[in-house]
Protein backbone atom coordinates (compact mmCIF):
# COMPACT_ATOMS: atom_id res chain seq x y z
CA MET A 1 59.09 151.56 68.70
CA THR A 2 61.67 149.20 69.97
CA GLN A 3 65.41 149.65 69.83
CA SER A 4 65.30 147.21 66.87
CA ASP A 5 63.19 149.56 64.63
CA ALA A 6 65.83 151.93 64.84
CA GLU A 7 67.74 151.18 61.60
CA SER A 8 64.21 151.40 59.91
CA VAL A 9 63.06 154.35 61.41
CA GLY A 10 66.71 156.19 60.53
CA ARG A 11 66.35 154.91 56.97
CA VAL A 12 62.64 156.17 56.45
CA GLY A 13 63.42 159.70 58.43
CA PHE A 14 66.57 160.31 56.06
CA ALA A 15 64.64 158.96 52.90
CA ALA A 16 61.79 161.15 53.66
CA TRP A 17 64.05 164.27 54.33
CA ALA A 18 66.02 163.75 51.07
CA ALA A 19 63.23 163.33 48.73
CA ASN A 20 61.86 167.06 49.73
CA PRO A 21 63.76 169.51 47.53
CA VAL A 22 62.93 171.91 50.27
CA LEU A 23 64.92 170.32 52.88
CA ASN A 24 67.97 168.88 50.89
CA ALA A 25 68.89 171.75 49.01
CA PHE A 26 71.93 172.44 51.41
CA GLY A 27 74.63 170.60 49.69
CA PRO A 28 76.50 167.13 50.33
CA ASP A 29 77.85 167.89 53.64
CA MET A 30 74.46 168.59 54.94
CA VAL A 31 73.38 164.97 53.49
CA VAL A 32 75.94 163.28 55.59
CA ARG A 33 74.97 165.53 58.84
CA ILE A 34 71.15 164.77 58.48
CA ARG A 35 71.95 160.85 57.55
CA GLU A 36 73.64 160.43 60.97
CA SER A 37 71.04 162.94 63.10
CA PHE A 38 68.23 160.37 61.75
CA GLN A 39 70.01 157.45 62.91
CA SER A 40 71.20 158.83 66.69
CA PHE A 41 68.02 160.08 67.29
CA ALA A 42 66.19 156.71 66.19
CA GLN A 43 68.83 154.61 68.55
CA GLU A 44 68.87 157.20 71.23
CA HIS A 45 65.15 158.17 71.40
CA PHE A 46 63.16 155.19 70.35
CA ARG A 47 60.54 155.13 73.52
CA LEU A 48 59.18 158.94 72.14
CA VAL A 49 58.44 157.20 68.50
CA THR A 50 55.29 155.90 67.13
CA LEU A 51 55.39 153.99 64.13
CA GLY A 52 53.44 153.15 61.05
CA GLU A 53 53.80 149.97 59.35
CA LEU A 54 52.52 148.15 56.28
CA GLY A 55 52.71 144.64 56.00
CA GLY A 56 55.30 144.53 59.18
CA GLU A 57 57.45 147.30 57.13
CA VAL A 58 58.26 150.64 58.79
CA VAL A 59 56.70 153.23 56.13
CA GLY A 60 56.56 156.34 58.64
CA TRP A 61 56.87 157.87 62.10
CA THR A 62 56.06 160.60 64.52
CA ALA A 63 57.78 161.34 67.91
CA ARG A 64 57.39 163.87 70.71
CA GLU A 65 60.51 165.06 71.67
CA GLY A 66 60.31 167.73 74.26
CA ARG A 67 57.58 168.91 75.92
CA ARG A 68 54.50 166.57 76.01
CA ASP A 69 52.33 169.01 73.75
CA TYR A 70 55.18 169.27 70.80
CA ILE A 71 54.86 166.81 67.90
CA SER A 72 58.80 166.92 66.95
CA ASP A 73 58.82 164.83 63.84
CA LEU A 74 56.50 163.30 61.30
CA TRP A 75 58.11 161.29 58.56
CA VAL A 76 56.69 158.82 55.60
CA ASP A 77 58.71 157.32 53.25
CA PRO A 78 58.69 158.82 49.84
CA ALA A 79 57.27 155.39 48.12
CA HIS A 80 54.32 155.65 50.74
CA GLN A 81 53.61 159.36 50.94
CA GLY A 82 49.93 160.34 50.03
CA LEU A 83 48.47 157.16 51.32
CA GLY A 84 47.44 158.86 54.41
CA ILE A 85 50.03 157.47 56.40
CA GLY A 86 50.85 161.00 58.05
CA PHE A 87 47.60 161.97 58.63
CA ALA A 88 47.02 158.44 60.43
CA LEU A 89 50.19 158.96 62.52
CA VAL A 90 49.48 162.70 63.65
CA SER A 91 45.88 161.88 64.27
CA ALA A 92 47.06 158.86 66.66
CA THR A 93 49.47 161.37 68.31
CA LEU A 94 46.63 163.64 68.87
CA ARG A 95 44.43 160.99 70.44
CA ASP A 96 47.03 160.22 72.49
CA MET A 97 47.59 163.66 73.66
CA ARG A 98 44.14 164.41 74.31
CA SER A 99 43.91 161.04 76.55
CA GLU A 100 46.88 162.47 78.55
CA GLY A 101 44.82 165.56 79.15
CA LEU A 102 46.58 168.29 77.11
CA LYS A 103 44.85 171.15 76.04
CA LEU A 104 47.25 172.20 73.19
CA ALA A 105 49.05 170.42 70.73
CA ARG A 106 52.28 172.33 68.98
CA ILE A 107 54.22 171.30 65.62
CA GLU A 108 56.64 172.73 63.32
CA THR A 109 57.69 172.67 59.79
CA HIS A 110 60.32 174.39 56.83
CA ALA A 111 58.05 177.22 56.14
CA ALA A 112 58.22 176.47 52.33
CA ASN A 113 57.06 172.94 53.26
CA GLN A 114 53.89 173.30 51.66
CA GLY A 115 52.49 169.48 51.74
CA ALA A 116 53.22 169.13 55.61
CA ILE A 117 51.40 172.79 56.40
CA ARG A 118 48.58 171.66 54.23
CA LEU A 119 48.56 168.46 56.06
CA TYR A 120 48.53 170.01 59.50
CA GLU A 121 45.83 172.19 58.60
CA SER A 122 43.70 169.47 57.43
CA LEU A 123 43.81 168.29 60.88
CA GLY A 124 42.99 171.41 62.83
CA PHE A 125 46.39 173.36 63.01
CA THR A 126 46.79 177.20 62.32
CA ILE A 127 50.07 178.74 61.75
CA ILE A 128 50.98 180.88 64.50
CA TRP A 129 54.60 182.04 63.90
CA ARG A 130 56.80 182.25 60.91
CA GLY A 131 60.56 183.31 61.17
CA MET A 132 64.12 181.95 61.36
CA GLN A 133 64.96 179.39 63.78
CA HIS A 134 68.14 177.52 64.23
CA SER A 135 68.04 173.52 63.21
CA PRO A 136 70.02 171.38 65.59
CA SER A 137 70.33 168.78 63.10
CA MET A 138 71.27 171.15 60.06
CA LYS A 139 73.40 172.97 62.61
CA MET A 140 71.97 176.45 60.75
CA ALA A 141 69.18 178.72 60.84
CA VAL A 142 66.07 178.05 58.73
CA GLU A 143 62.54 179.49 58.06
CA LYS A 144 60.26 177.64 59.80
CA VAL A 145 56.31 177.99 60.83
CA ARG A 146 55.02 176.82 64.28
CA MET A 147 51.42 175.81 64.45
CA GLN A 148 48.99 174.66 67.14
CA GLN A 149 45.71 173.41 67.65
CA SER A 150 43.34 173.42 70.87
CA LEU A 151 42.75 169.86 72.11
CA ALA A 152 40.00 170.63 74.19
């Protein structure tokens, strides 16, 4: 990703978040906070983002913010969900992690986000923890699952 993609990345991330009833049921103030969070993340951390594009259009992205073995984000535009874009993005990220010599991959999602959990399980992740965790972007505690897989 380049910095010029930041607006598209922020738009896709927010659209995916807003389309998920599990994540967007927290009121109008949360919507404003999350939209701003996606835009600032894309502008400040563009070097951490891997894009998924179709026909030159950004339709999804993944990011590795924090520890090298952690996939912090996966967002796919709602109009392009179900096409294998999320699977391809996470698969590419796992290949990168393996090529870096990492032995473990970690990812988290909201505990009620069954679609994401199924996707991650199909990629070899298993749930290792479930509980409440503070979300910096949402500025509140949410129920999350932590998943991991061996890359060896």
